Amino acid sequence: NTCFRAFDEIIAKYDLEKIKTIGDCYMFAGGLPEAGKGSQIIEMIHASKEIQSWLDTWNVEREMIGLARMDVRIGIHMGPVAAGVIGSKKFAYDIWGDTVNMAARLEQSGERGKINISGEAYEKVKDKFKCTYRGKLPAKNKGLVDMYFVEN
């Protein structure tokens, strides 16, 4: 709850949309609900870097009292999604599609404390952020995918 509340505040500063939490997964998106707002890919990376920074500070406090670190992997991709409200009793706004699946694969292929982005995302941000090419790596049901770590 402490982490998710902090993440909520961070993404709100960048006009990003929290989609949902599933266990220890926190999913947020940019460019919603209108595609005309743009992809917000730069804001996504700024928010992700701020989340990592917040966690670094919080982990120092945790370690001082003998608690384990809590680090996250972040995966970012960009592209079209389907979005809408689902359900008839407990409404939930959600997004679906290949873009969402690819972001999940990027997160799974990442490393703790790092932001892993796709080649498509890299092309949009390469002049704004220093990134390290990781190569073409396997992603479940996606084949080989160009991946980059955003440098801190």
N, C-alpha and C. Protein backbone atom coordinates (compact mmCIF):
# COMPACT_ATOMS: atom_id res chain seq x y z
N ASN A 1 0.83 -1.19 0.00
CA ASN A 1 0.00 0.00 0.00
C ASN A 1 0.88 1.26 0.00
N THR A 2 1.95 1.25 0.76
CA THR A 2 2.84 2.41 0.80
C THR A 2 3.40 2.68 -0.59
N CYS A 3 3.88 1.63 -1.26
CA CYS A 3 4.43 1.79 -2.62
C CYS A 3 3.35 2.26 -3.59
N PHE A 4 2.24 1.58 -3.61
CA PHE A 4 1.21 1.90 -4.60
C PHE A 4 0.66 3.31 -4.42
N ARG A 5 0.55 3.76 -3.17
CA ARG A 5 0.10 5.14 -2.95
C ARG A 5 1.14 6.14 -3.49
N ALA A 6 2.42 5.84 -3.28
CA ALA A 6 3.46 6.71 -3.82
C ALA A 6 3.44 6.69 -5.35
N PHE A 7 3.26 5.51 -5.93
CA PHE A 7 3.20 5.40 -7.39
C PHE A 7 2.01 6.19 -7.94
N ASP A 8 0.86 6.11 -7.24
CA ASP A 8 -0.32 6.88 -7.65
C ASP A 8 0.00 8.37 -7.74
N GLU A 9 0.68 8.88 -6.73
CA GLU A 9 1.04 10.30 -6.72
C GLU A 9 2.00 10.64 -7.86
N ILE A 10 2.96 9.77 -8.10
CA ILE A 10 3.95 10.02 -9.15
C ILE A 10 3.29 10.05 -10.51
N ILE A 11 2.48 9.05 -10.84
CA ILE A 11 1.91 9.03 -12.19
C ILE A 11 0.89 10.15 -12.39
N ALA A 12 0.25 10.58 -11.33
CA ALA A 12 -0.70 11.70 -11.44
C ALA A 12 0.02 12.97 -11.90
N LYS A 13 1.27 13.16 -11.43
CA LYS A 13 2.04 14.34 -11.83
C LYS A 13 2.30 14.38 -13.32
N TYR A 14 2.33 13.22 -13.95
CA TYR A 14 2.63 13.13 -15.38
C TYR A 14 1.38 12.91 -16.23
N ASP A 15 0.20 13.04 -15.62
CA ASP A 15 -1.08 12.88 -16.33
C ASP A 15 -1.21 11.50 -16.96
N LEU A 16 -0.73 10.49 -16.23
CA LEU A 16 -0.82 9.11 -16.69
C LEU A 16 -1.98 8.42 -15.99
N GLU A 17 -2.38 7.28 -16.49
CA GLU A 17 -3.57 6.58 -16.00
C GLU A 17 -3.20 5.26 -15.34
N LYS A 18 -3.56 5.12 -14.05
CA LYS A 18 -3.41 3.82 -13.39
C LYS A 18 -4.49 2.91 -13.94
N ILE A 19 -4.10 1.75 -14.41
CA ILE A 19 -5.07 0.79 -14.94
C ILE A 19 -5.52 -0.16 -13.85
N LYS A 20 -4.57 -0.79 -13.18
CA LYS A 20 -4.94 -1.74 -12.12
C LYS A 20 -3.69 -2.22 -11.40
N THR A 21 -3.94 -2.89 -10.29
CA THR A 21 -2.89 -3.62 -9.60
C THR A 21 -3.33 -5.08 -9.59
N ILE A 22 -2.37 -5.96 -9.78
CA ILE A 22 -2.62 -7.40 -9.71
C ILE A 22 -1.50 -7.97 -8.85
N GLY A 23 -1.81 -8.31 -7.63
CA GLY A 23 -0.76 -8.77 -6.72
C GLY A 23 0.25 -7.66 -6.53
N ASP A 24 1.50 -7.94 -6.88
CA ASP A 24 2.54 -6.91 -6.74
C ASP A 24 2.79 -6.17 -8.05
N CYS A 25 1.91 -6.36 -9.03
CA CYS A 25 2.04 -5.68 -10.32
C CYS A 25 1.21 -4.39 -10.31
N TYR A 26 1.84 -3.31 -10.76
CA TYR A 26 1.19 -2.00 -10.85
C TYR A 26 1.23 -1.60 -12.32
N MET A 27 0.05 -1.50 -12.95
CA MET A 27 -0.02 -1.23 -14.38
C MET A 27 -0.55 0.18 -14.63
N PHE A 28 0.23 0.97 -15.39
CA PHE A 28 -0.24 2.29 -15.78
C PHE A 28 0.04 2.54 -17.25
N ALA A 29 -0.68 3.50 -17.83
CA ALA A 29 -0.58 3.76 -19.27
C ALA A 29 -0.64 5.25 -19.54
N GLY A 30 -0.21 5.63 -20.73
CA GLY A 30 -0.29 7.01 -21.18
C GLY A 30 -1.09 7.08 -22.46
N GLY A 31 -1.56 8.28 -22.79
CA GLY A 31 -2.30 8.47 -24.03
C GLY A 31 -3.74 8.01 -23.95
N LEU A 32 -4.25 7.82 -22.73
CA LEU A 32 -5.63 7.37 -22.55
C LEU A 32 -6.46 8.50 -21.95
N PRO A 33 -7.72 8.58 -22.18
CA PRO A 33 -8.50 7.68 -23.03
C PRO A 33 -8.50 8.09 -24.50
N GLU A 34 -7.85 9.18 -24.83
CA GLU A 34 -7.88 9.68 -26.20
C GLU A 34 -6.51 9.50 -26.85
N ALA A 35 -6.51 8.87 -28.02
CA ALA A 35 -5.25 8.70 -28.74
C ALA A 35 -4.67 10.05 -29.12
N GLY A 36 -5.49 11.06 -29.29
CA GLY A 36 -5.04 12.39 -29.67
C GLY A 36 -4.15 13.05 -28.65
N LYS A 37 -4.15 12.54 -27.41
CA LYS A 37 -3.26 13.09 -26.38
C LYS A 37 -1.81 12.74 -26.66
N GLY A 38 -1.58 11.85 -27.60
CA GLY A 38 -0.21 11.41 -27.86
C GLY A 38 0.13 10.21 -27.02
N SER A 39 1.28 9.64 -27.25
CA SER A 39 1.64 8.41 -26.55
C SER A 39 2.08 8.65 -25.12
N GLN A 40 2.54 9.86 -24.82
CA GLN A 40 3.08 10.20 -23.50
C GLN A 40 4.27 9.33 -23.13
N ILE A 41 4.99 8.83 -24.11
CA ILE A 41 6.10 7.92 -23.84
C ILE A 41 7.19 8.58 -23.00
N ILE A 42 7.44 9.86 -23.23
CA ILE A 42 8.46 10.56 -22.45
C ILE A 42 8.02 10.68 -21.00
N GLU A 43 6.74 11.01 -20.78
CA GLU A 43 6.20 11.08 -19.42
C GLU A 43 6.24 9.72 -18.74
N MET A 44 5.98 8.65 -19.52
CA MET A 44 6.04 7.30 -18.96
C MET A 44 7.44 7.00 -18.41
N ILE A 45 8.45 7.40 -19.17
CA ILE A 45 9.82 7.13 -18.72
C ILE A 45 10.19 8.01 -17.53
N HIS A 46 9.79 9.29 -17.57
CA HIS A 46 10.06 10.15 -16.41
C HIS A 46 9.39 9.59 -15.15
N ALA A 47 8.14 9.17 -15.26
CA ALA A 47 7.44 8.61 -14.10
C ALA A 47 8.12 7.33 -13.63
N SER A 48 8.55 6.49 -14.57
CA SER A 48 9.23 5.24 -14.21
C SER A 48 10.54 5.51 -13.49
N LYS A 49 11.29 6.51 -13.96
CA LYS A 49 12.54 6.87 -13.29
C LYS A 49 12.27 7.41 -11.89
N GLU A 50 11.19 8.17 -11.75
CA GLU A 50 10.84 8.70 -10.43
C GLU A 50 10.39 7.58 -9.49
N ILE A 51 9.68 6.62 -10.01
CA ILE A 51 9.28 5.46 -9.20
C ILE A 51 10.53 4.72 -8.72
N GLN A 52 11.49 4.51 -9.62
CA GLN A 52 12.73 3.84 -9.22
C GLN A 52 13.48 4.64 -8.16
N SER A 53 13.53 5.96 -8.33
CA SER A 53 14.20 6.83 -7.37
C SER A 53 13.50 6.78 -6.00
N TRP A 54 12.17 6.83 -6.01
CA TRP A 54 11.41 6.76 -4.76
C TRP A 54 11.72 5.44 -4.06
N LEU A 55 11.75 4.34 -4.83
CA LEU A 55 12.05 3.03 -4.24
C LEU A 55 13.46 2.98 -3.65
N ASP A 56 14.43 3.59 -4.33
CA ASP A 56 15.80 3.61 -3.80
C ASP A 56 15.84 4.27 -2.43
N THR A 57 15.16 5.40 -2.29
CA THR A 57 15.11 6.11 -1.00
C THR A 57 14.38 5.29 0.05
N TRP A 58 13.24 4.74 -0.32
CA TRP A 58 12.43 3.94 0.60
C TRP A 58 13.21 2.70 1.06
N ASN A 59 13.96 2.10 0.16
CA ASN A 59 14.72 0.89 0.50
C ASN A 59 15.84 1.18 1.50
N VAL A 60 16.44 2.36 1.44
CA VAL A 60 17.45 2.72 2.44
C VAL A 60 16.81 2.71 3.82
N GLU A 61 15.61 3.30 3.93
CA GLU A 61 14.89 3.30 5.21
C GLU A 61 14.56 1.88 5.66
N ARG A 62 14.11 1.05 4.72
CA ARG A 62 13.75 -0.33 5.06
C ARG A 62 14.98 -1.11 5.55
N GLU A 63 16.09 -0.97 4.84
CA GLU A 63 17.29 -1.71 5.22
C GLU A 63 17.81 -1.28 6.59
N MET A 64 17.63 0.01 6.94
CA MET A 64 18.09 0.50 8.24
C MET A 64 17.36 -0.15 9.40
N ILE A 65 16.13 -0.62 9.16
CA ILE A 65 15.38 -1.28 10.23
C ILE A 65 15.30 -2.80 10.01
N GLY A 66 16.15 -3.31 9.10
CA GLY A 66 16.26 -4.75 8.92
C GLY A 66 15.24 -5.38 7.99
N LEU A 67 14.54 -4.58 7.20
CA LEU A 67 13.57 -5.13 6.26
C LEU A 67 14.21 -5.33 4.88
N ALA A 68 13.66 -6.26 4.12
CA ALA A 68 14.20 -6.58 2.79
C ALA A 68 13.88 -5.46 1.80
N ARG A 69 14.75 -5.35 0.81
CA ARG A 69 14.52 -4.40 -0.30
C ARG A 69 13.30 -4.82 -1.10
N MET A 70 12.68 -3.84 -1.72
CA MET A 70 11.59 -4.11 -2.66
C MET A 70 11.94 -3.35 -3.95
N ASP A 71 12.38 -4.08 -4.94
CA ASP A 71 12.75 -3.49 -6.22
C ASP A 71 11.74 -3.93 -7.28
N VAL A 72 11.66 -3.17 -8.35
CA VAL A 72 10.72 -3.51 -9.41
C VAL A 72 11.43 -3.55 -10.75
N ARG A 73 10.83 -4.30 -11.67
CA ARG A 73 11.21 -4.29 -13.08
C ARG A 73 10.11 -3.49 -13.78
N ILE A 74 10.50 -2.67 -14.74
CA ILE A 74 9.52 -1.89 -15.48
C ILE A 74 9.69 -2.17 -16.96
N GLY A 75 8.57 -2.46 -17.64
CA GLY A 75 8.57 -2.69 -19.07
C GLY A 75 7.68 -1.66 -19.76
N ILE A 76 8.21 -1.05 -20.83
CA ILE A 76 7.44 -0.02 -21.55
C ILE A 76 7.46 -0.32 -23.05
N HIS A 77 6.26 -0.31 -23.61
CA HIS A 77 6.06 -0.47 -25.05
C HIS A 77 5.04 0.57 -25.47
N MET A 78 4.91 0.80 -26.75
CA MET A 78 3.91 1.76 -27.22
C MET A 78 3.20 1.20 -28.44
N GLY A 79 1.94 1.60 -28.57
CA GLY A 79 1.14 1.15 -29.70
C GLY A 79 -0.33 1.22 -29.35
N PRO A 80 -1.16 0.75 -30.26
CA PRO A 80 -2.61 0.82 -30.03
C PRO A 80 -3.09 -0.19 -29.00
N VAL A 81 -4.13 0.18 -28.28
CA VAL A 81 -4.78 -0.73 -27.33
C VAL A 81 -6.29 -0.60 -27.48
N ALA A 82 -6.98 -1.63 -27.05
CA ALA A 82 -8.43 -1.53 -26.87
C ALA A 82 -8.64 -1.19 -25.41
N ALA A 83 -9.60 -0.31 -25.13
CA ALA A 83 -9.84 0.13 -23.76
C ALA A 83 -11.34 0.21 -23.51
N GLY A 84 -11.72 -0.02 -22.28
CA GLY A 84 -13.13 0.13 -21.95
C GLY A 84 -13.43 -0.35 -20.55
N VAL A 85 -14.69 -0.18 -20.20
CA VAL A 85 -15.19 -0.62 -18.90
C VAL A 85 -15.78 -2.00 -19.08
N ILE A 86 -15.41 -2.90 -18.19
CA ILE A 86 -15.92 -4.27 -18.27
C ILE A 86 -16.69 -4.60 -17.00
N GLY A 87 -17.57 -5.56 -17.13
CA GLY A 87 -18.33 -6.03 -15.98
C GLY A 87 -19.69 -5.39 -15.87
N SER A 88 -20.56 -6.03 -15.08
CA SER A 88 -21.90 -5.49 -14.86
C SER A 88 -22.17 -5.22 -13.38
N LYS A 89 -21.37 -5.76 -12.50
CA LYS A 89 -21.57 -5.53 -11.07
C LYS A 89 -20.45 -4.70 -10.47
N LYS A 90 -19.22 -5.07 -10.74
CA LYS A 90 -18.07 -4.34 -10.21
C LYS A 90 -17.29 -3.83 -11.42
N PHE A 91 -17.56 -2.60 -11.80
CA PHE A 91 -17.00 -2.05 -13.02
C PHE A 91 -15.49 -1.88 -12.90
N ALA A 92 -14.81 -2.11 -14.02
CA ALA A 92 -13.35 -1.94 -14.05
C ALA A 92 -12.96 -1.43 -15.43
N TYR A 93 -12.20 -0.35 -15.45
CA TYR A 93 -11.62 0.16 -16.69
C TYR A 93 -10.36 -0.64 -16.96
N ASP A 94 -10.19 -1.12 -18.18
CA ASP A 94 -9.03 -1.95 -18.48
C ASP A 94 -8.58 -1.70 -19.91
N ILE A 95 -7.37 -2.17 -20.24
CA ILE A 95 -6.87 -2.10 -21.60
C ILE A 95 -6.40 -3.49 -22.02
N TRP A 96 -6.47 -3.77 -23.33
CA TRP A 96 -6.09 -5.06 -23.87
C TRP A 96 -5.35 -4.87 -25.18
N GLY A 97 -4.71 -5.94 -25.60
CA GLY A 97 -4.12 -5.96 -26.93
C GLY A 97 -2.65 -6.33 -26.92
N ASP A 98 -2.10 -6.41 -28.13
CA ASP A 98 -0.72 -6.81 -28.31
C ASP A 98 0.25 -5.85 -27.62
N THR A 99 -0.09 -4.56 -27.60
CA THR A 99 0.78 -3.57 -26.94
C THR A 99 0.90 -3.88 -25.45
N VAL A 100 -0.20 -4.22 -24.82
CA VAL A 100 -0.20 -4.56 -23.39
C VAL A 100 0.61 -5.83 -23.16
N ASN A 101 0.41 -6.82 -24.02
CA ASN A 101 1.15 -8.08 -23.88
C ASN A 101 2.65 -7.85 -24.05
N MET A 102 3.03 -7.00 -25.00
CA MET A 102 4.45 -6.74 -25.22
C MET A 102 5.06 -6.02 -24.01
N ALA A 103 4.35 -5.06 -23.44
CA ALA A 103 4.85 -4.37 -22.24
C ALA A 103 5.08 -5.38 -21.11
N ALA A 104 4.17 -6.34 -20.98
CA ALA A 104 4.32 -7.38 -19.95
C ALA A 104 5.56 -8.23 -20.22
N ARG A 105 5.80 -8.56 -21.48
CA ARG A 105 6.99 -9.35 -21.83
C ARG A 105 8.27 -8.56 -21.55
N LEU A 106 8.23 -7.25 -21.81
CA LEU A 106 9.40 -6.41 -21.53
C LEU A 106 9.68 -6.37 -20.04
N GLU A 107 8.64 -6.27 -19.24
CA GLU A 107 8.81 -6.29 -17.78
C GLU A 107 9.41 -7.63 -17.35
N GLN A 108 8.89 -8.73 -17.88
CA GLN A 108 9.37 -10.06 -17.51
C GLN A 108 10.83 -10.27 -17.93
N SER A 109 11.23 -9.63 -19.02
CA SER A 109 12.59 -9.79 -19.53
C SER A 109 13.57 -8.78 -18.95
N GLY A 110 13.06 -7.91 -18.08
CA GLY A 110 13.90 -6.87 -17.49
C GLY A 110 14.69 -7.36 -16.29
N GLU A 111 15.28 -6.41 -15.62
CA GLU A 111 16.03 -6.70 -14.39
C GLU A 111 15.54 -5.77 -13.29
N ARG A 112 15.66 -6.23 -12.06
CA ARG A 112 15.23 -5.43 -10.92
C ARG A 112 15.94 -4.08 -10.94
N GLY A 113 15.17 -3.02 -10.71
CA GLY A 113 15.73 -1.68 -10.65
C GLY A 113 15.99 -1.06 -12.01
N LYS A 114 15.50 -1.69 -13.10
CA LYS A 114 15.76 -1.18 -14.45
C LYS A 114 14.47 -0.98 -15.23
N ILE A 115 14.56 -0.09 -16.21
CA ILE A 115 13.45 0.19 -17.12
C ILE A 115 13.83 -0.40 -18.47
N ASN A 116 13.06 -1.38 -18.92
CA ASN A 116 13.31 -2.08 -20.18
C ASN A 116 12.29 -1.59 -21.21
N ILE A 117 12.76 -1.05 -22.33
CA ILE A 117 11.84 -0.54 -23.34
C ILE A 117 12.05 -1.28 -24.66
N SER A 118 11.00 -1.24 -25.48
CA SER A 118 11.04 -1.88 -26.79
C SER A 118 11.77 -1.00 -27.80
N GLY A 119 12.10 -1.60 -28.93
CA GLY A 119 12.71 -0.84 -30.01
C GLY A 119 11.83 0.29 -30.50
N GLU A 120 10.51 0.07 -30.53
CA GLU A 120 9.57 1.12 -30.96
C GLU A 120 9.61 2.31 -29.99
N ALA A 121 9.64 2.01 -28.71
CA ALA A 121 9.72 3.09 -27.71
C ALA A 121 11.07 3.80 -27.82
N TYR A 122 12.12 3.03 -28.00
CA TYR A 122 13.46 3.62 -28.12
C TYR A 122 13.52 4.63 -29.26
N GLU A 123 12.93 4.30 -30.40
CA GLU A 123 12.96 5.21 -31.55
C GLU A 123 12.33 6.56 -31.22
N LYS A 124 11.35 6.58 -30.33
CA LYS A 124 10.67 7.83 -29.95
C LYS A 124 11.44 8.63 -28.90
N VAL A 125 12.30 7.96 -28.13
CA VAL A 125 12.94 8.65 -26.99
C VAL A 125 14.47 8.71 -27.08
N LYS A 126 15.05 8.19 -28.13
CA LYS A 126 16.51 8.07 -28.19
C LYS A 126 17.23 9.40 -28.11
N ASP A 127 16.56 10.50 -28.47
CA ASP A 127 17.19 11.82 -28.37
C ASP A 127 16.99 12.46 -27.00
N LYS A 128 16.16 11.84 -26.15
CA LYS A 128 15.85 12.40 -24.83
C LYS A 128 16.49 11.63 -23.68
N PHE A 129 16.72 10.34 -23.89
CA PHE A 129 17.25 9.48 -22.82
C PHE A 129 18.39 8.64 -23.34
N LYS A 130 19.41 8.46 -22.49
CA LYS A 130 20.51 7.55 -22.83
C LYS A 130 20.02 6.13 -22.57
N CYS A 131 20.18 5.29 -23.57
CA CYS A 131 19.73 3.91 -23.46
C CYS A 131 20.85 2.96 -23.89
N THR A 132 20.82 1.77 -23.34
CA THR A 132 21.78 0.73 -23.69
C THR A 132 21.05 -0.39 -24.41
N TYR A 133 21.52 -0.70 -25.61
CA TYR A 133 20.90 -1.77 -26.40
C TYR A 133 21.25 -3.12 -25.78
N ARG A 134 20.24 -3.93 -25.56
CA ARG A 134 20.43 -5.25 -24.97
C ARG A 134 20.49 -6.34 -26.01
N GLY A 135 20.12 -6.02 -27.24
CA GLY A 135 20.09 -7.00 -28.30
C GLY A 135 18.67 -7.46 -28.58
N LYS A 136 18.58 -8.43 -29.46
CA LYS A 136 17.28 -9.06 -29.76
C LYS A 136 17.13 -10.22 -28.78
N LEU A 137 16.19 -10.07 -27.88
CA LEU A 137 16.00 -11.08 -26.83
C LEU A 137 14.66 -11.78 -27.03
N PRO A 138 14.58 -13.04 -26.61
CA PRO A 138 13.31 -13.77 -26.76
C PRO A 138 12.25 -13.24 -25.80
N ALA A 139 11.04 -13.11 -26.32
CA ALA A 139 9.89 -12.72 -25.51
C ALA A 139 8.78 -13.74 -25.79
N LYS A 140 8.20 -14.26 -24.75
CA LYS A 140 7.19 -15.31 -24.86
C LYS A 140 6.12 -14.94 -25.90
N ASN A 141 5.91 -15.81 -26.86
CA ASN A 141 4.93 -15.66 -27.93
C ASN A 141 5.18 -14.45 -28.84
N LYS A 142 6.37 -13.85 -28.77
CA LYS A 142 6.68 -12.67 -29.58
C LYS A 142 7.92 -12.87 -30.44
N GLY A 143 8.68 -13.92 -30.21
CA GLY A 143 9.93 -14.12 -30.94
C GLY A 143 11.03 -13.26 -30.36
N LEU A 144 11.96 -12.84 -31.22
CA LEU A 144 13.07 -12.00 -30.78
C LEU A 144 12.65 -10.54 -30.87
N VAL A 145 12.93 -9.78 -29.80
CA VAL A 145 12.49 -8.40 -29.69
C VAL A 145 13.67 -7.52 -29.33
N ASP A 146 13.83 -6.39 -30.04
CA ASP A 146 14.85 -5.41 -29.68
C ASP A 146 14.49 -4.81 -28.31
N MET A 147 15.46 -4.85 -27.39
CA MET A 147 15.22 -4.31 -26.05
C MET A 147 16.36 -3.37 -25.65
N TYR A 148 16.00 -2.35 -24.87
CA TYR A 148 16.94 -1.34 -24.40
C TYR A 148 16.68 -1.07 -22.93
N PHE A 149 17.74 -0.86 -22.17
CA PHE A 149 17.60 -0.35 -20.81
C PHE A 149 17.76 1.16 -20.86
N VAL A 150 16.86 1.88 -20.19
CA VAL A 150 17.00 3.32 -20.03
C VAL A 150 17.99 3.53 -18.90
N GLU A 151 19.02 4.32 -19.14
CA GLU A 151 20.03 4.56 -18.12
C GLU A 151 19.51 5.53 -17.06
N ASN A 152 19.98 5.35 -15.82
CA ASN A 152 19.55 6.22 -14.72
C ASN A 152 20.16 7.59 -14.78
